[in-house]
Amino acid sequence: MDTPVVVGIVTAVWAFIGIVLPILVQFFMWRSPNKGILQIMLVLSAVCCYVFWLTAYICQLNPLFGPQLKGDLLRVIQQEWKP
């Protein structure tokens, strides 16, 4: 899949968890004393997981270094993998 599609889908999932679920908790647990704690837990979990995922995904798009191969190994690969 293309990068914007993947980022959009994952953003939508974490936005649902961090925005929609706390609103649903407000309506379904309106009498619970732990309602606020659950809402904060959902928002913080969504933000932290999304930032971690986004950082890891962006780092994989443009790696800082590739595989480090020695010269003799490269010659063997060139000889063995000729079409």
PDB file of N, CA and C in Angstrom:
ATOM      1  N   MET A   1       0.832  -1.177   0.000  1.00  0.00           N
ATOM      2  CA  MET A   1       0.000   0.000   0.000  1.00  0.00           C
ATOM      3  C   MET A   1       0.880   1.245   0.000  1.00  0.00           C
ATOM      4  N   ASP A   2       0.315   2.330  -0.427  1.00  0.00           N
ATOM      5  CA  ASP A   2       1.041   3.587  -0.436  1.00  0.00           C
ATOM      6  C   ASP A   2       1.150   4.150   0.978  1.00  0.00           C
ATOM      7  N   THR A   3       2.159   4.957   1.173  1.00  0.00           N
ATOM      8  CA  THR A   3       2.413   5.537   2.497  1.00  0.00           C
ATOM      9  C   THR A   3       1.245   6.380   3.011  1.00  0.00           C
ATOM     10  N   PRO A   4       0.653   7.272   2.199  1.00  0.00           N
ATOM     11  CA  PRO A   4      -0.470   8.064   2.739  1.00  0.00           C
ATOM     12  C   PRO A   4      -1.670   7.210   3.152  1.00  0.00           C
ATOM     13  N   VAL A   5      -1.897   6.120   2.454  1.00  0.00           N
ATOM     14  CA  VAL A   5      -3.025   5.245   2.799  1.00  0.00           C
ATOM     15  C   VAL A   5      -2.781   4.572   4.142  1.00  0.00           C
ATOM     16  N   VAL A   6      -1.570   4.057   4.330  1.00  0.00           N
ATOM     17  CA  VAL A   6      -1.240   3.377   5.586  1.00  0.00           C
ATOM     18  C   VAL A   6      -1.304   4.352   6.753  1.00  0.00           C
ATOM     19  N   VAL A   7      -0.706   5.522   6.579  1.00  0.00           N
ATOM     20  CA  VAL A   7      -0.721   6.520   7.652  1.00  0.00           C
ATOM     21  C   VAL A   7      -2.148   6.962   7.949  1.00  0.00           C
ATOM     22  N   GLY A   8      -2.970   7.106   6.925  1.00  0.00           N
ATOM     23  CA  GLY A   8      -4.362   7.500   7.130  1.00  0.00           C
ATOM     24  C   GLY A   8      -5.164   6.458   7.879  1.00  0.00           C
ATOM     25  N   ILE A   9      -4.978   5.195   7.522  1.00  0.00           N
ATOM     26  CA  ILE A   9      -5.719   4.119   8.197  1.00  0.00           C
ATOM     27  C   ILE A   9      -5.321   4.017   9.664  1.00  0.00           C
ATOM     28  N   VAL A  10      -4.010   4.019   9.929  1.00  0.00           N
ATOM     29  CA  VAL A  10      -3.557   3.892  11.318  1.00  0.00           C
ATOM     30  C   VAL A  10      -3.941   5.130  12.124  1.00  0.00           C
ATOM     31  N   THR A  11      -3.890   6.300  11.511  1.00  0.00           N
ATOM     32  CA  THR A  11      -4.325   7.518  12.196  1.00  0.00           C
ATOM     33  C   THR A  11      -5.805   7.442  12.547  1.00  0.00           C
ATOM     34  N   ALA A  12      -6.604   6.914  11.636  1.00  0.00           N
ATOM     35  CA  ALA A  12      -8.040   6.782  11.907  1.00  0.00           C
ATOM     36  C   ALA A  12      -8.298   5.817  13.062  1.00  0.00           C
ATOM     37  N   VAL A  13      -7.555   4.733  13.119  1.00  0.00           N
ATOM     38  CA  VAL A  13      -7.740   3.759  14.202  1.00  0.00           C
ATOM     39  C   VAL A  13      -7.397   4.392  15.549  1.00  0.00           C
ATOM     40  N   TRP A  14      -6.232   5.052  15.632  1.00  0.00           N
ATOM     41  CA  TRP A  14      -5.831   5.649  16.903  1.00  0.00           C
ATOM     42  C   TRP A  14      -6.679   6.854  17.250  1.00  0.00           C
ATOM     43  N   ALA A  15      -7.195   7.575  16.250  1.00  0.00           N
ATOM     44  CA  ALA A  15      -8.111   8.681  16.525  1.00  0.00           C
ATOM     45  C   ALA A  15      -9.421   8.142  17.101  1.00  0.00           C
ATOM     46  N   PHE A  16      -9.885   7.021  16.595  1.00  0.00           N
ATOM     47  CA  PHE A  16     -11.091   6.399  17.144  1.00  0.00           C
ATOM     48  C   PHE A  16     -10.871   6.026  18.608  1.00  0.00           C
ATOM     49  N   ILE A  17      -9.727   5.420  18.889  1.00  0.00           N
ATOM     50  CA  ILE A  17      -9.440   4.999  20.261  1.00  0.00           C
ATOM     51  C   ILE A  17      -9.264   6.208  21.181  1.00  0.00           C
ATOM     52  N   GLY A  18      -8.617   7.266  20.685  1.00  0.00           N
ATOM     53  CA  GLY A  18      -8.308   8.403  21.542  1.00  0.00           C
ATOM     54  C   GLY A  18      -9.368   9.479  21.598  1.00  0.00           C
ATOM     55  N   ILE A  19     -10.300   9.502  20.625  1.00  0.00           N
ATOM     56  CA  ILE A  19     -11.321  10.558  20.606  1.00  0.00           C
ATOM     57  C   ILE A  19     -12.723   9.991  20.801  1.00  0.00           C
ATOM     58  N   VAL A  20     -13.073   8.991  20.016  1.00  0.00           N
ATOM     59  CA  VAL A  20     -14.444   8.472  20.045  1.00  0.00           C
ATOM     60  C   VAL A  20     -14.708   7.636  21.300  1.00  0.00           C
ATOM     61  N   LEU A  21     -13.766   6.760  21.658  1.00  0.00           N
ATOM     62  CA  LEU A  21     -14.003   5.921  22.838  1.00  0.00           C
ATOM     63  C   LEU A  21     -14.141   6.726  24.134  1.00  0.00           C
ATOM     64  N   PRO A  22     -13.332   7.763  24.376  1.00  0.00           N
ATOM     65  CA  PRO A  22     -13.590   8.566  25.594  1.00  0.00           C
ATOM     66  C   PRO A  22     -14.964   9.239  25.597  1.00  0.00           C
ATOM     67  N   ILE A  23     -15.457   9.628  24.432  1.00  0.00           N
ATOM     68  CA  ILE A  23     -16.801  10.215  24.359  1.00  0.00           C
ATOM     69  C   ILE A  23     -17.850   9.151  24.676  1.00  0.00           C
ATOM     70  N   LEU A  24     -17.658   7.939  24.169  1.00  0.00           N
ATOM     71  CA  LEU A  24     -18.591   6.856  24.484  1.00  0.00           C
ATOM     72  C   LEU A  24     -18.549   6.501  25.968  1.00  0.00           C
ATOM     73  N   VAL A  25     -17.364   6.550  26.553  1.00  0.00           N
ATOM     74  CA  VAL A  25     -17.250   6.295  27.995  1.00  0.00           C
ATOM     75  C   VAL A  25     -18.050   7.338  28.769  1.00  0.00           C
ATOM     76  N   GLN A  26     -18.031   8.575  28.305  1.00  0.00           N
ATOM     77  CA  GLN A  26     -18.786   9.650  28.964  1.00  0.00           C
ATOM     78  C   GLN A  26     -20.284   9.322  29.027  1.00  0.00           C
ATOM     79  N   PHE A  27     -20.802   8.736  27.943  1.00  0.00           N
ATOM     80  CA  PHE A  27     -22.235   8.445  27.898  1.00  0.00           C
ATOM     81  C   PHE A  27     -22.608   7.128  28.575  1.00  0.00           C
ATOM     82  N   PHE A  28     -21.754   6.116  28.465  1.00  0.00           N
ATOM     83  CA  PHE A  28     -22.113   4.806  29.005  1.00  0.00           C
ATOM     84  C   PHE A  28     -21.702   4.604  30.456  1.00  0.00           C
ATOM     85  N   MET A  29     -20.761   5.390  30.954  1.00  0.00           N
ATOM     86  CA  MET A  29     -20.316   5.244  32.338  1.00  0.00           C
ATOM     87  C   MET A  29     -20.524   6.547  33.100  1.00  0.00           C
ATOM     88  N   TRP A  30     -21.621   7.207  32.892  1.00  0.00           N
ATOM     89  CA  TRP A  30     -21.828   8.539  33.447  1.00  0.00           C
ATOM     90  C   TRP A  30     -21.909   8.563  34.967  1.00  0.00           C
ATOM     91  N   ARG A  31     -22.173   7.444  35.598  1.00  0.00           N
ATOM     92  CA  ARG A  31     -22.270   7.426  37.058  1.00  0.00           C
ATOM     93  C   ARG A  31     -21.015   6.852  37.725  1.00  0.00           C
ATOM     94  N   SER A  32     -20.101   6.342  36.947  1.00  0.00           N
ATOM     95  CA  SER A  32     -18.915   5.689  37.514  1.00  0.00           C
ATOM     96  C   SER A  32     -17.916   6.719  38.041  1.00  0.00           C
ATOM     97  N   PRO A  33     -17.339   6.471  39.205  1.00  0.00           N
ATOM     98  CA  PRO A  33     -16.325   7.405  39.716  1.00  0.00           C
ATOM     99  C   PRO A  33     -14.993   7.288  38.964  1.00  0.00           C
ATOM    100  N   ASN A  34     -14.817   6.217  38.224  1.00  0.00           N
ATOM    101  CA  ASN A  34     -13.571   5.998  37.490  1.00  0.00           C
ATOM    102  C   ASN A  34     -13.659   6.432  36.031  1.00  0.00           C
ATOM    103  N   LYS A  35     -14.694   7.141  35.673  1.00  0.00           N
ATOM    104  CA  LYS A  35     -14.911   7.558  34.290  1.00  0.00           C
ATOM    105  C   LYS A  35     -13.764   8.414  33.775  1.00  0.00           C
ATOM    106  N   GLY A  36     -13.331   9.384  34.549  1.00  0.00           N
ATOM    107  CA  GLY A  36     -12.261  10.287  34.137  1.00  0.00           C
ATOM    108  C   GLY A  36     -10.927   9.574  33.974  1.00  0.00           C
ATOM    109  N   ILE A  37     -10.657   8.640  34.865  1.00  0.00           N
ATOM    110  CA  ILE A  37      -9.415   7.880  34.772  1.00  0.00           C
ATOM    111  C   ILE A  37      -9.404   7.048  33.500  1.00  0.00           C
ATOM    112  N   LEU A  38     -10.522   6.424  33.175  1.00  0.00           N
ATOM    113  CA  LEU A  38     -10.603   5.617  31.964  1.00  0.00           C
ATOM    114  C   LEU A  38     -10.458   6.481  30.710  1.00  0.00           C
ATOM    115  N   GLN A  39     -11.046   7.665  30.730  1.00  0.00           N
ATOM    116  CA  GLN A  39     -10.924   8.556  29.578  1.00  0.00           C
ATOM    117  C   GLN A  39      -9.479   9.013  29.377  1.00  0.00           C
ATOM    118  N   ILE A  40      -8.814   9.410  30.449  1.00  0.00           N
ATOM    119  CA  ILE A  40      -7.418   9.829  30.358  1.00  0.00           C
ATOM    120  C   ILE A  40      -6.538   8.666  29.907  1.00  0.00           C
ATOM    121  N   MET A  41      -6.827   7.475  30.415  1.00  0.00           N
ATOM    122  CA  MET A  41      -6.061   6.295  30.033  1.00  0.00           C
ATOM    123  C   MET A  41      -6.192   6.017  28.542  1.00  0.00           C
ATOM    124  N   LEU A  42      -7.396   6.134  27.999  1.00  0.00           N
ATOM    125  CA  LEU A  42      -7.603   5.907  26.572  1.00  0.00           C
ATOM    126  C   LEU A  42      -6.885   6.949  25.722  1.00  0.00           C
ATOM    127  N   VAL A  43      -6.989   8.205  26.108  1.00  0.00           N
ATOM    128  CA  VAL A  43      -6.343   9.280  25.334  1.00  0.00           C
ATOM    129  C   VAL A  43      -4.828   9.139  25.376  1.00  0.00           C
ATOM    130  N   LEU A  44      -4.265   8.955  26.560  1.00  0.00           N
ATOM    131  CA  LEU A  44      -2.814   8.842  26.677  1.00  0.00           C
ATOM    132  C   LEU A  44      -2.280   7.602  25.975  1.00  0.00           C
ATOM    133  N   SER A  45      -2.991   6.497  26.070  1.00  0.00           N
ATOM    134  CA  SER A  45      -2.559   5.284  25.380  1.00  0.00           C
ATOM    135  C   SER A  45      -2.588   5.481  23.871  1.00  0.00           C
ATOM    136  N   ALA A  46      -3.628   6.100  23.375  1.00  0.00           N
ATOM    137  CA  ALA A  46      -3.729   6.332  21.938  1.00  0.00           C
ATOM    138  C   ALA A  46      -2.620   7.256  21.449  1.00  0.00           C
ATOM    139  N   VAL A  47      -2.355   8.325  22.172  1.00  0.00           N
ATOM    140  CA  VAL A  47      -1.313   9.269  21.759  1.00  0.00           C
ATOM    141  C   VAL A  47       0.057   8.610  21.793  1.00  0.00           C
ATOM    142  N   CYS A  48       0.370   7.916  22.867  1.00  0.00           N
ATOM    143  CA  CYS A  48       1.688   7.288  22.990  1.00  0.00           C
ATOM    144  C   CYS A  48       1.891   6.192  21.948  1.00  0.00           C
ATOM    145  N   CYS A  49       0.901   5.354  21.750  1.00  0.00           N
ATOM    146  CA  CYS A  49       1.030   4.282  20.759  1.00  0.00           C
ATOM    147  C   CYS A  49       1.127   4.842  19.347  1.00  0.00           C
ATOM    148  N   TYR A  50       0.361   5.889  19.057  1.00  0.00           N
ATOM    149  CA  TYR A  50       0.408   6.479  17.724  1.00  0.00           C
ATOM    150  C   TYR A  50       1.761   7.128  17.451  1.00  0.00           C
ATOM    151  N   VAL A  51       2.292   7.863  18.419  1.00  0.00           N
ATOM    152  CA  VAL A  51       3.595   8.510  18.233  1.00  0.00           C
ATOM    153  C   VAL A  51       4.694   7.458  18.074  1.00  0.00           C
ATOM    154  N   PHE A  52       4.632   6.388  18.856  1.00  0.00           N
ATOM    155  CA  PHE A  52       5.619   5.317  18.722  1.00  0.00           C
ATOM    156  C   PHE A  52       5.524   4.674  17.346  1.00  0.00           C
ATOM    157  N   TRP A  53       4.311   4.351  16.908  1.00  0.00           N
ATOM    158  CA  TRP A  53       4.144   3.730  15.596  1.00  0.00           C
ATOM    159  C   TRP A  53       4.620   4.660  14.492  1.00  0.00           C
ATOM    160  N   LEU A  54       4.249   5.923  14.544  1.00  0.00           N
ATOM    161  CA  LEU A  54       4.629   6.878  13.512  1.00  0.00           C
ATOM    162  C   LEU A  54       6.146   7.042  13.435  1.00  0.00           C
ATOM    163  N   THR A  55       6.798   7.108  14.583  1.00  0.00           N
ATOM    164  CA  THR A  55       8.258   7.226  14.599  1.00  0.00           C
ATOM    165  C   THR A  55       8.916   6.004  13.973  1.00  0.00           C
ATOM    166  N   ALA A  56       8.468   4.813  14.344  1.00  0.00           N
ATOM    167  CA  ALA A  56       9.041   3.595  13.776  1.00  0.00           C
ATOM    168  C   ALA A  56       8.769   3.505  12.275  1.00  0.00           C
ATOM    169  N   TYR A  57       7.585   3.897  11.838  1.00  0.00           N
ATOM    170  CA  TYR A  57       7.237   3.833  10.416  1.00  0.00           C
ATOM    171  C   TYR A  57       8.066   4.812   9.600  1.00  0.00           C
ATOM    172  N   ILE A  58       8.236   6.018  10.100  1.00  0.00           N
ATOM    173  CA  ILE A  58       9.023   7.019   9.382  1.00  0.00           C
ATOM    174  C   ILE A  58      10.489   6.609   9.321  1.00  0.00           C
ATOM    175  N   CYS A  59      11.001   6.009  10.379  1.00  0.00           N
ATOM    176  CA  CYS A  59      12.400   5.555  10.368  1.00  0.00           C
ATOM    177  C   CYS A  59      12.619   4.452   9.344  1.00  0.00           C
ATOM    178  N   GLN A  60      11.621   3.644   9.081  1.00  0.00           N
ATOM    179  CA  GLN A  60      11.764   2.579   8.092  1.00  0.00           C
ATOM    180  C   GLN A  60      11.649   3.093   6.665  1.00  0.00           C
ATOM    181  N   LEU A  61      11.053   4.263   6.465  1.00  0.00           N
ATOM    182  CA  LEU A  61      10.930   4.800   5.113  1.00  0.00           C
ATOM    183  C   LEU A  61      12.279   5.210   4.538  1.00  0.00           C
ATOM    184  N   ASN A  62      13.150   5.765   5.376  1.00  0.00           N
ATOM    185  CA  ASN A  62      14.455   6.221   4.928  1.00  0.00           C
ATOM    186  C   ASN A  62      15.497   5.777   5.954  1.00  0.00           C
ATOM    187  N   PRO A  63      15.977   4.528   5.844  1.00  0.00           N
ATOM    188  CA  PRO A  63      16.920   4.043   6.851  1.00  0.00           C
ATOM    189  C   PRO A  63      18.242   4.810   6.785  1.00  0.00           C
ATOM    190  N   LEU A  64      18.898   4.940   7.919  1.00  0.00           N
ATOM    191  CA  LEU A  64      20.157   5.667   7.983  1.00  0.00           C
ATOM    192  C   LEU A  64      21.292   4.908   7.313  1.00  0.00           C
ATOM    193  N   PHE A  65      21.266   3.589   7.390  1.00  0.00           N
ATOM    194  CA  PHE A  65      22.316   2.792   6.753  1.00  0.00           C
ATOM    195  C   PHE A  65      21.709   1.482   6.293  1.00  0.00           C
ATOM    196  N   GLY A  66      22.307   0.926   5.248  1.00  0.00           N
ATOM    197  CA  GLY A  66      21.846  -0.348   4.711  1.00  0.00           C
ATOM    198  C   GLY A  66      22.679  -1.483   5.269  1.00  0.00           C
ATOM    199  N   PRO A  67      22.529  -2.656   4.688  1.00  0.00           N
ATOM    200  CA  PRO A  67      23.333  -3.780   5.153  1.00  0.00           C
ATOM    201  C   PRO A  67      24.810  -3.554   4.827  1.00  0.00           C
ATOM    202  N   GLN A  68      25.669  -3.904   5.742  1.00  0.00           N
ATOM    203  CA  GLN A  68      27.112  -3.743   5.569  1.00  0.00           C
ATOM    204  C   GLN A  68      27.688  -5.075   5.089  1.00  0.00           C
ATOM    205  N   LEU A  69      28.081  -5.134   3.815  1.00  0.00           N
ATOM    206  CA  LEU A  69      28.625  -6.352   3.229  1.00  0.00           C
ATOM    207  C   LEU A  69      30.090  -6.135   2.872  1.00  0.00           C
ATOM    208  N   LYS A  70      30.888  -7.177   3.053  1.00  0.00           N
ATOM    209  CA  LYS A  70      32.302  -7.098   2.706  1.00  0.00           C
ATOM    210  C   LYS A  70      32.473  -7.313   1.205  1.00  0.00           C
ATOM    211  N   GLY A  71      33.604  -6.880   0.669  1.00  0.00           N
ATOM    212  CA  GLY A  71      33.851  -6.940  -0.772  1.00  0.00           C
ATOM    213  C   GLY A  71      33.834  -8.347  -1.336  1.00  0.00           C
ATOM    214  N   ASP A  72      34.447  -9.315  -0.634  1.00  0.00           N
ATOM    215  CA  ASP A  72      34.464 -10.687  -1.149  1.00  0.00           C
ATOM    216  C   ASP A  72      33.069 -11.296  -1.171  1.00  0.00           C
ATOM    217  N   LEU A  73      32.244 -10.956  -0.190  1.00  0.00           N
ATOM    218  CA  LEU A  73      30.863 -11.441  -0.183  1.00  0.00           C
ATOM    219  C   LEU A  73      30.067 -10.846  -1.347  1.00  0.00           C
ATOM    220  N   LEU A  74      30.335  -9.588  -1.666  1.00  0.00           N
ATOM    221  CA  LEU A  74      29.657  -8.962  -2.810  1.00  0.00           C
ATOM    222  C   LEU A  74      30.038  -9.642  -4.116  1.00  0.00           C
ATOM    223  N   ARG A  75      31.325 -10.017  -4.274  1.00  0.00           N
ATOM    224  CA  ARG A  75      31.761 -10.724  -5.499  1.00  0.00           C
ATOM    225  C   ARG A  75      31.085 -12.085  -5.608  1.00  0.00           C
ATOM    226  N   VAL A  76      30.977 -12.800  -4.497  1.00  0.00           N
ATOM    227  CA  VAL A  76      30.309 -14.113  -4.513  1.00  0.00           C
ATOM    228  C   VAL A  76      28.840 -13.946  -4.887  1.00  0.00           C
ATOM    229  N   ILE A  77      28.185 -12.946  -4.337  1.00  0.00           N
ATOM    230  CA  ILE A  77      26.772 -12.705  -4.651  1.00  0.00           C
ATOM    231  C   ILE A  77      26.612 -12.371  -6.131  1.00  0.00           C
ATOM    232  N   GLN A  78      27.508 -11.547  -6.674  1.00  0.00           N
ATOM    233  CA  GLN A  78      27.428 -11.193  -8.104  1.00  0.00           C
ATOM    234  C   GLN A  78      27.618 -12.409  -8.980  1.00  0.00           C
ATOM    235  N   GLN A  79      28.518 -13.299  -8.618  1.00  0.00           N
ATOM    236  CA  GLN A  79      28.765 -14.499  -9.426  1.00  0.00           C
ATOM    237  C   GLN A  79      27.603 -15.485  -9.335  1.00  0.00           C
ATOM    238  N   GLU A  80      27.063 -15.656  -8.158  1.00  0.00           N
ATOM    239  CA  GLU A  80      26.004 -16.652  -7.949  1.00  0.00           C
ATOM    240  C   GLU A  80      24.638 -16.191  -8.437  1.00  0.00           C
ATOM    241  N   TRP A  81      24.372 -14.913  -8.413  1.00  0.00           N
ATOM    242  CA  TRP A  81      23.038 -14.416  -8.733  1.00  0.00           C
ATOM    243  C   TRP A  81      22.911 -13.852 -10.143  1.00  0.00           C
ATOM    244  N   LYS A  82      23.834 -14.204 -11.016  1.00  0.00           N
ATOM    245  CA  LYS A  82      23.719 -13.711 -12.403  1.00  0.00           C
ATOM    246  C   LYS A  82      22.503 -14.333 -13.060  1.00  0.00           C
ATOM    247  N   PRO A  83      21.754 -13.532 -13.827  1.00  0.00           N
ATOM    248  CA  PRO A  83      20.558 -14.090 -14.485  1.00  0.00           C
ATOM    249  C   PRO A  83      20.906 -15.004 -15.638  1.00  0.00           C
TER     250      PRO A  83
END
